[in-house]
Protein backbone atom coordinates (compact mmCIF):
# COMPACT_ATOMS: atom_id res chain seq x y z
CA MET A 1 157.83 113.00 31.06
CA SER A 2 159.59 110.99 33.74
CA GLN A 3 161.47 107.81 32.91
CA ASN A 4 160.87 106.48 36.44
CA SER A 5 157.19 105.54 36.09
CA THR A 6 156.06 102.26 37.59
CA THR A 7 153.44 100.01 36.16
CA GLN A 8 150.93 98.07 38.20
CA VAL A 9 148.83 95.26 36.75
CA ILE A 10 145.50 94.77 38.44
CA GLN A 11 143.78 91.41 37.94
CA PRO A 12 140.01 91.73 38.27
CA PRO A 13 138.27 88.90 40.09
CA ASN A 14 136.74 86.15 37.96
CA ALA A 15 133.10 87.13 38.39
CA LEU A 16 131.79 84.06 36.58
CA ARG A 17 133.68 81.70 38.88
CA LEU A 18 132.30 83.62 41.88
CA LYS A 19 128.74 83.25 40.56
CA VAL A 20 128.82 79.57 39.59
CA GLY A 21 131.22 78.41 42.27
CA SER A 22 133.81 75.71 42.02
CA ARG A 23 131.42 72.95 40.92
CA PHE A 24 132.18 73.80 37.29
CA GLY A 25 135.88 74.30 37.87
CA ALA A 26 136.99 70.84 36.80
CA LEU A 27 135.53 68.53 34.21
CA ASP A 28 134.66 65.05 35.37
CA ALA A 29 136.71 62.69 33.19
CA GLY A 30 134.25 59.89 33.89
CA ALA A 31 131.31 61.94 32.66
CA ILE A 32 133.20 62.88 29.51
CA ALA A 33 134.07 59.23 28.82
CA LYS A 34 130.44 58.24 29.36
CA ALA A 35 129.23 60.94 26.94
CA GLU A 36 131.78 59.88 24.32
CA ALA A 37 130.69 56.25 24.67
CA ALA A 38 127.04 57.24 24.24
CA LEU A 39 127.88 59.24 21.13
CA LYS A 40 129.90 56.34 19.72
CA SER A 41 126.96 53.98 20.27
CA LEU A 42 124.80 56.33 18.20
CA SER A 43 127.34 56.67 15.40
CA SER A 44 125.82 53.78 13.43
CA ASN A 45 122.81 56.08 12.88
CA PHE A 46 124.85 59.03 11.60
CA ALA A 47 124.65 58.07 7.92
CA GLN A 48 120.85 57.87 7.97
CA TRP A 49 120.49 61.04 10.00
CA LEU A 50 122.80 62.86 7.61
CA GLN A 51 120.73 61.64 4.66
CA ASP A 52 117.61 62.95 6.42
CA GLU A 53 119.27 66.38 6.73
CA LEU A 54 120.29 66.30 3.06
CA THR A 55 116.69 65.53 2.13
CA LYS A 56 115.48 68.55 4.12
CA LEU A 57 118.12 70.76 2.48
CA ALA A 58 117.10 69.51 -0.98
CA ALA A 59 113.44 70.21 -0.17
CA ALA A 60 114.30 73.78 0.86
CA ARG A 61 116.18 74.26 -2.42
CA ALA A 62 113.32 72.74 -4.44
CA ARG A 63 110.82 75.04 -2.77
CA ILE A 64 112.89 78.05 -3.81
CA THR A 65 113.00 76.68 -7.34
CA THR A 66 109.22 76.38 -7.52
CA GLU A 67 108.11 79.34 -5.38
CA GLY A 68 111.03 81.69 -5.84
CA MET A 69 113.31 83.22 -3.25
CA THR A 70 110.95 84.82 -0.76
CA PRO A 71 111.57 85.76 2.86
CA GLU A 72 109.78 82.56 3.91
CA THR A 73 111.60 80.17 1.54
CA ALA A 74 114.92 81.84 2.31
CA GLU A 75 114.30 81.43 6.06
CA VAL A 76 113.65 77.72 5.61
CA LEU A 77 116.86 77.38 3.60
CA TYR A 78 118.78 79.28 6.26
CA MET A 79 117.44 77.00 9.00
CA ARG A 80 118.43 73.89 7.02
CA ALA A 81 121.93 75.31 6.41
CA HIS A 82 122.25 76.26 10.07
CA ASP A 83 121.28 72.72 11.10
CA MET A 84 123.89 71.28 8.73
CA LYS A 85 126.48 73.63 10.19
CA GLY A 86 125.77 72.30 13.65
CA LEU A 87 125.46 68.64 12.73
CA GLY A 88 128.24 68.15 10.20
CA THR A 89 131.01 67.61 12.72
CA THR A 90 128.75 65.56 14.98
CA TYR A 91 128.06 63.26 12.04
CA GLU A 92 131.83 63.03 11.42
CA PHE A 93 131.86 65.44 8.45
CA PRO A 94 133.60 68.61 9.65
CA LEU A 95 133.87 69.67 5.99
CA ILE A 96 130.07 69.91 5.86
CA THR A 97 130.13 72.12 8.94
CA ARG A 98 132.56 74.47 7.19
CA ILE A 99 130.63 74.54 3.90
CA ALA A 100 127.33 75.10 5.70
CA ALA A 101 128.94 77.88 7.77
CA SER A 102 129.91 79.61 4.53
CA LEU A 103 126.34 79.25 3.24
CA CYS A 104 125.02 80.64 6.52
CA LYS A 105 127.27 83.70 6.12
CA LEU A 106 125.87 84.23 2.64
CA ILE A 107 122.24 84.14 3.77
CA ASP A 108 122.61 85.18 7.41
CA GLU A 109 120.83 88.53 7.25
CA PRO A 110 117.09 88.29 6.64
CA ALA A 111 117.11 91.68 4.91
CA THR A 112 119.57 90.53 2.21
CA ARG A 113 118.85 86.78 1.91
CA CYS A 114 116.69 87.11 -1.15
CA ALA A 115 119.48 88.92 -3.01
CA ALA A 116 121.99 86.10 -2.53
CA PRO A 117 123.07 84.63 -5.88
CA MET A 118 121.25 81.33 -6.37
CA VAL A 119 124.22 79.93 -8.26
CA LEU A 120 126.36 80.36 -5.14
CA ILE A 121 123.67 78.88 -2.91
CA ASP A 122 123.47 75.91 -5.29
CA GLY A 123 127.25 75.61 -5.22
CA HIS A 124 127.21 75.24 -1.45
CA ILE A 125 124.42 72.67 -1.50
CA ASP A 126 126.09 70.73 -4.31
CA ALA A 127 129.38 70.76 -2.39
CA ILE A 128 127.66 69.34 0.70
CA ASN A 129 126.08 66.61 -1.40
CA ALA A 130 129.39 65.84 -3.10
CA ALA A 131 131.17 65.58 0.24
CA VAL A 132 128.66 63.01 1.46
CA ARG A 133 128.52 61.13 -1.84
CA ASP A 134 132.30 60.85 -2.09
CA ASN A 135 132.86 60.47 1.67
CA ILE A 136 135.02 63.58 1.86
CA LYS A 137 134.93 64.34 5.54
CA THR A 138 137.62 66.97 6.10
CA ASP A 139 139.36 69.82 4.34
CA ASP A 140 142.53 67.72 4.42
CA HIS A 141 141.19 66.06 1.28
CA PRO A 142 142.36 68.05 -1.77
CA VAL A 143 138.91 68.15 -3.38
CA GLY A 144 137.24 69.12 -0.11
CA LYS A 145 139.81 71.83 0.47
CA ALA A 146 139.39 73.22 -3.06
CA LEU A 147 135.60 73.23 -2.78
CA VAL A 148 135.34 74.94 0.58
CA GLU A 149 138.05 77.50 -0.14
CA ALA A 150 136.45 78.46 -3.46
CA LEU A 151 133.04 78.86 -1.84
CA GLU A 152 134.38 80.86 1.08
CA ALA A 153 136.30 83.12 -1.32
CA ARG A 154 133.17 83.85 -3.37
CA VAL A 155 131.19 84.66 -0.21
CA LYS A 156 133.99 86.92 0.96
CA ASP A 157 134.19 88.61 -2.47
CA LEU A 158 130.52 89.51 -2.09
CA GLY A 159 131.30 91.25 1.18
CA PHE A 160 130.24 88.62 3.67
CA THR A 161 132.87 87.81 6.28
């Protein structure tokens, strides 16, 4: 084989930029500031909205307790966990987002949801409640870090990644 080979790097065109044009090329700093101000004005409602989500999560858990883990009750639990995953950081609790993401991994597949260990599901829900109760917002807090890492490890040990 020859030692004198040359290499040529070919950059493909950015097809997305060609399709959407330059209007999305730069973010409008004014629009971002306006959105942040709007979110800040709503932040006084976050505690109540978070409590509403906790109530829905508790209701999903209670339904499983009374009716058993069925495809329907497991789906409701998954939807509540998925909502918490999306809303935790918005409500200034990124730890909740991480815990709920771990729970979502555990019960993500409809075919295997009903086989998820209830004790691990309960552990996730209890951890979310504890984070809110004790105002543990991030995994920088030693208790928050210990909780989320233990839950994620158990989910991983069961083969969910």
